Amino acid sequence: MFDGRIIGGITVFVAVAKAGSYARAADQVGLSRSGVGKAIARLEERTGMRLFDRNSRALKLTDQGRGFLEEVAPLMERLGAIATPDSLAEVRGRLRVSTDAAFGPFLLMPALPELLTAHPRLRIDVLVRDRIDNLLAEGVDVAIRFGDPDARGLDKQAILQSRVVTCATPAYLAAHGTPEAPEDIADRSGVRLIDDVTGKPHSWDFLNHAGETRSIAPDCSLVVNDAPLLVAAALNHVGIVRLLDFIAEEHLRAGRLVEVLPTWNRRMWPAYLYTPETAHPSPAIQAFKRFVFERDFLRRALMDR
């Protein structure tokens, strides 16, 4: 007779293999860390395989473990698909969403009440993370990022493109002058944003209506690592900044900021939605993706301001 408890052990095993640790897997499957360890030990005993190499610093799949994962992961996905609710209205469970400091507070948060109202049994954890390369290891289900980071092992779909706007306060421009071309932006006159991939400040790449491009890298007096800090620096007259249009729009309309080099501000910056590559995503992931692609985030953000 087949031991049905093996199914439970396999569920825990797949969670540990994808999360890379007992602690993160425990959060996903609703067990304690010790409970996860015992489940893996029982599965190894029942299957006669050593699935993980364990030491104090790392948890890695053995060759047997990798082979076992390749065999059982598609089967578990299929079982999940069979158990999927007939209606997305019945979606339940916890969804972990990773986002950056631009999309999260300015676009995602204003939209989330609509999603939670549509799916009252869904619970969402929103995490602001600088990088995407540890998405699976952190047990994250969905990520949204501006820019085009390396997405190996992930499914990537474009959501929107936002225009990059160069701007500063009227007081700053009155004191320091208004540049008439990208090359007029002197060192120490701007505030730059750190590129999370390279760890260095983004260069300022300009595009005009004629398709001409310019790229500069001023030696700015201040460098920051998220959008709210960039806005705060601009509003406090630190220097010229480059903001995505939905972030700058409210301040431009109110006159707190002024667009600089408007004919050169045609550069677009993309945002993407990332999910683990799987044939049968969970109902919660399906509901979140449908919500994202049915909502015109950028149009609504600009209209709401």
Foldseek 3Di string as FASTA:
>chain_A
DDDPLLVVLVQLLLLCQQQFALCLSCVVVVHHSVVSVVSPVVNCVVVVHDAWDDDPPGIGGDPVNVVVCVVCVQVVLVVLQVPADPDLLADADEAEEEEAQPCVPQFVVVQVVVLCVSHVRYHYHYHHDLDCPCCRNNVHFKYKYWADDDFPQKDKDWQDKFWKFKKAAPVLCVVPNADQDPVSQAAQQAEFEARSVVRHTDWDWWAFPVGDIDTGDHNHPYYYHHDVVRVVCRLVSSHMYIDTCLVCLVCCVVRSMPTGNVRGGGDIIIMMMIGGDDPRRHSVSVSVVVSSNVDNRVVVSNVVD
